[in-house]
Amino acid sequence: VSTQSTWGNRRPYVGVEVKFTSHGGRCVAYEVKPGGPADKVGVLEGDILVQWNGKDLDSRQTFDQCVANSEIGKSVTLSLLRDGHHFTVTPVVSSTVRRKVSRGLRKVRSSSERRFRP
């Protein structure tokens, strides 16, 4: 019998996925979720994320930690670089539900076993 469990917990969310480029060492927005907090304040794919509340974003892990440690419902200051111009936006941290699915091994029974065993 397969076991499957799904649970959720709220976590901070700004609606932008970043990648860290080894060339230049920068966090680059590669996906901005439509309607998400980052989208609402004008973050575009390709923007370079420089700072989060004054903290330098020197790795993807730093960005992930900054998001994870943010308070849901509060604004954050996000410094960006686009086409050589620096500017600042203040998205409101939203929340999303993290779902984890775990699957156990599935035991397959033949039709004859099912007749005799519940």
C-alpha atoms as a PDB file:
ATOM      1  CA  VAL A   1       0.000   0.000   0.000  1.00  0.00           C
ATOM      2  CA  SER A   2       1.401   3.387  -0.860  1.00  0.00           C
ATOM      3  CA  THR A   3       1.632   6.051   1.785  1.00  0.00           C
ATOM      4  CA  GLN A   4       1.366   9.648   0.769  1.00  0.00           C
ATOM      5  CA  SER A   5       1.267  12.654   3.014  1.00  0.00           C
ATOM      6  CA  THR A   6       0.909  16.305   2.195  1.00  0.00           C
ATOM      7  CA  TRP A   7       1.211  19.079   4.711  1.00  0.00           C
ATOM      8  CA  GLY A   8       1.578  22.788   4.393  1.00  0.00           C
ATOM      9  CA  ASN A   9       3.204  25.562   6.311  1.00  0.00           C
ATOM     10  CA  ARG A  10       3.197  29.223   5.485  1.00  0.00           C
ATOM     11  CA  ARG A  11       6.456  30.715   4.329  1.00  0.00           C
ATOM     12  CA  PRO A  12       7.472  34.180   3.087  1.00  0.00           C
ATOM     13  CA  TYR A  13       7.151  34.738  -0.647  1.00  0.00           C
ATOM     14  CA  VAL A  14       8.107  37.586  -2.976  1.00  0.00           C
ATOM     15  CA  GLY A  15       7.461  35.913  -6.315  1.00  0.00           C
ATOM     16  CA  VAL A  16      10.886  36.036  -7.894  1.00  0.00           C
ATOM     17  CA  GLU A  17      13.304  33.211  -8.649  1.00  0.00           C
ATOM     18  CA  VAL A  18      16.966  34.155  -8.832  1.00  0.00           C
ATOM     19  CA  LYS A  19      20.105  32.600 -10.150  1.00  0.00           C
ATOM     20  CA  PHE A  20      23.589  33.545  -9.110  1.00  0.00           C
ATOM     21  CA  THR A  21      26.010  34.216 -11.919  1.00  0.00           C
ATOM     22  CA  SER A  22      29.621  33.334 -11.350  1.00  0.00           C
ATOM     23  CA  HIS A  23      30.535  35.978 -13.935  1.00  0.00           C
ATOM     24  CA  GLY A  24      30.251  39.193 -11.971  1.00  0.00           C
ATOM     25  CA  GLY A  25      28.883  37.427  -8.890  1.00  0.00           C
ATOM     26  CA  ARG A  26      25.329  38.733  -9.046  1.00  0.00           C
ATOM     27  CA  CYS A  27      21.820  37.573  -8.234  1.00  0.00           C
ATOM     28  CA  VAL A  28      19.730  37.864 -11.367  1.00  0.00           C
ATOM     29  CA  ALA A  29      15.948  37.613 -11.482  1.00  0.00           C
ATOM     30  CA  TYR A  30      15.243  34.886 -14.009  1.00  0.00           C
ATOM     31  CA  GLU A  31      11.553  34.364 -13.264  1.00  0.00           C
ATOM     32  CA  VAL A  32       9.074  36.896 -11.890  1.00  0.00           C
ATOM     33  CA  LYS A  33       5.735  35.350 -10.953  1.00  0.00           C
ATOM     34  CA  PRO A  34       2.804  37.258 -12.513  1.00  0.00           C
ATOM     35  CA  GLY A  35       0.772  39.017  -9.827  1.00  0.00           C
ATOM     36  CA  GLY A  36       3.361  38.305  -7.128  1.00  0.00           C
ATOM     37  CA  PRO A  37       4.825  40.968  -4.841  1.00  0.00           C
ATOM     38  CA  ALA A  38       7.911  41.514  -7.030  1.00  0.00           C
ATOM     39  CA  ASP A  39       5.785  41.833 -10.162  1.00  0.00           C
ATOM     40  CA  LYS A  40       3.510  44.367  -8.458  1.00  0.00           C
ATOM     41  CA  VAL A  41       6.445  46.706  -7.757  1.00  0.00           C
ATOM     42  CA  GLY A  42       7.948  46.364 -11.235  1.00  0.00           C
ATOM     43  CA  VAL A  43      10.754  43.810 -10.901  1.00  0.00           C
ATOM     44  CA  LEU A  44      11.563  42.425 -14.345  1.00  0.00           C
ATOM     45  CA  GLU A  45      13.296  39.277 -15.486  1.00  0.00           C
ATOM     46  CA  GLY A  46      16.967  40.117 -15.971  1.00  0.00           C
ATOM     47  CA  ASP A  47      17.092  42.673 -13.149  1.00  0.00           C
ATOM     48  CA  ILE A  48      20.122  42.340 -10.901  1.00  0.00           C
ATOM     49  CA  LEU A  49      19.157  42.161  -7.235  1.00  0.00           C
ATOM     50  CA  VAL A  50      21.816  44.050  -5.299  1.00  0.00           C
ATOM     51  CA  GLN A  51      20.530  44.382  -1.713  1.00  0.00           C
ATOM     52  CA  TRP A  52      17.701  43.193   0.533  1.00  0.00           C
ATOM     53  CA  ASN A  53      17.016  45.617   3.389  1.00  0.00           C
ATOM     54  CA  GLY A  54      20.587  46.887   3.052  1.00  0.00           C
ATOM     55  CA  LYS A  55      22.185  43.431   3.026  1.00  0.00           C
ATOM     56  CA  ASP A  56      24.322  42.611  -0.020  1.00  0.00           C
ATOM     57  CA  LEU A  57      22.942  39.726  -2.055  1.00  0.00           C
ATOM     58  CA  ASP A  58      26.233  37.968  -2.707  1.00  0.00           C
ATOM     59  CA  SER A  59      24.772  34.500  -3.322  1.00  0.00           C
ATOM     60  CA  ARG A  60      21.520  32.749  -4.035  1.00  0.00           C
ATOM     61  CA  GLN A  61      21.638  31.342  -0.507  1.00  0.00           C
ATOM     62  CA  THR A  62      21.794  34.876   0.898  1.00  0.00           C
ATOM     63  CA  PHE A  63      18.717  35.819  -1.133  1.00  0.00           C
ATOM     64  CA  ASP A  64      16.859  32.679   0.015  1.00  0.00           C
ATOM     65  CA  GLN A  65      17.777  33.382   3.656  1.00  0.00           C
ATOM     66  CA  CYS A  66      16.640  37.004   3.388  1.00  0.00           C
ATOM     67  CA  VAL A  67      13.261  35.914   2.026  1.00  0.00           C
ATOM     68  CA  ALA A  68      12.890  33.121   4.582  1.00  0.00           C
ATOM     69  CA  ASN A  69      13.677  35.480   7.476  1.00  0.00           C
ATOM     70  CA  SER A  70      11.230  38.156   6.330  1.00  0.00           C
ATOM     71  CA  GLU A  71       7.983  38.861   8.108  1.00  0.00           C
ATOM     72  CA  ILE A  72       4.858  38.122   6.101  1.00  0.00           C
ATOM     73  CA  GLY A  73       2.846  41.289   5.454  1.00  0.00           C
ATOM     74  CA  LYS A  74       5.795  43.653   5.903  1.00  0.00           C
ATOM     75  CA  SER A  75       7.539  45.701   3.226  1.00  0.00           C
ATOM     76  CA  VAL A  76      11.182  45.115   2.395  1.00  0.00           C
ATOM     77  CA  THR A  77      13.621  47.332   0.551  1.00  0.00           C
ATOM     78  CA  LEU A  78      15.003  45.684  -2.557  1.00  0.00           C
ATOM     79  CA  SER A  79      17.792  47.475  -4.446  1.00  0.00           C
ATOM     80  CA  LEU A  80      18.023  46.642  -8.135  1.00  0.00           C
ATOM     81  CA  LEU A  81      20.243  47.350 -11.090  1.00  0.00           C
ATOM     82  CA  ARG A  82      18.662  47.538 -14.541  1.00  0.00           C
ATOM     83  CA  ASP A  83      20.390  48.773 -17.683  1.00  0.00           C
ATOM     84  CA  GLY A  84      23.081  50.440 -15.582  1.00  0.00           C
ATOM     85  CA  HIS A  85      20.585  52.334 -13.399  1.00  0.00           C
ATOM     86  CA  HIS A  86      20.144  51.721  -9.675  1.00  0.00           C
ATOM     87  CA  PHE A  87      16.702  51.927  -8.122  1.00  0.00           C
ATOM     88  CA  THR A  88      14.818  50.677  -5.107  1.00  0.00           C
ATOM     89  CA  VAL A  89      11.438  48.959  -4.802  1.00  0.00           C
ATOM     90  CA  THR A  90       9.490  47.975  -1.702  1.00  0.00           C
ATOM     91  CA  PRO A  91       7.512  44.775  -2.202  1.00  0.00           C
ATOM     92  CA  VAL A  92       5.244  43.537   0.575  1.00  0.00           C
ATOM     93  CA  VAL A  93       6.231  40.019   1.578  1.00  0.00           C
ATOM     94  CA  SER A  94       3.367  37.654   0.931  1.00  0.00           C
ATOM     95  CA  SER A  95       3.033  34.021   1.902  1.00  0.00           C
ATOM     96  CA  THR A  96       2.742  30.755   0.145  1.00  0.00           C
ATOM     97  CA  VAL A  97       2.170  27.249   1.348  1.00  0.00           C
ATOM     98  CA  ARG A  98       5.018  24.797   1.038  1.00  0.00           C
ATOM     99  CA  ARG A  99       3.772  21.356   0.255  1.00  0.00           C
ATOM    100  CA  LYS A 100       5.879  18.331   0.780  1.00  0.00           C
ATOM    101  CA  VAL A 101       4.901  15.048  -0.685  1.00  0.00           C
ATOM    102  CA  SER A 102       6.490  11.865   0.534  1.00  0.00           C
ATOM    103  CA  ARG A 103       5.874   8.588  -1.120  1.00  0.00           C
ATOM    104  CA  GLY A 104       6.520   5.200   0.362  1.00  0.00           C
ATOM    105  CA  LEU A 105       7.106   2.028  -1.546  1.00  0.00           C
ATOM    106  CA  ARG A 106       4.018   0.602  -3.092  1.00  0.00           C
ATOM    107  CA  LYS A 107       3.293  -3.028  -2.613  1.00  0.00           C
ATOM    108  CA  VAL A 108       1.501  -4.503  -5.571  1.00  0.00           C
ATOM    109  CA  ARG A 109      -0.756  -7.424  -4.857  1.00  0.00           C
ATOM    110  CA  SER A 110      -2.076  -9.784  -7.413  1.00  0.00           C
ATOM    111  CA  SER A 111      -5.827 -10.092  -7.937  1.00  0.00           C
ATOM    112  CA  SER A 112      -5.828 -13.458  -6.128  1.00  0.00           C
ATOM    113  CA  GLU A 113      -4.220 -11.927  -3.039  1.00  0.00           C
ATOM    114  CA  ARG A 114      -6.819  -9.164  -2.997  1.00  0.00           C
ATOM    115  CA  ARG A 115      -9.620 -11.688  -2.897  1.00  0.00           C
ATOM    116  CA  PHE A 116      -8.316 -13.364   0.231  1.00  0.00           C
ATOM    117  CA  ARG A 117      -6.701 -10.405   2.021  1.00  0.00           C
ATOM    118  CA  PRO A 118      -8.387  -7.121   2.752  1.00  0.00           C
END
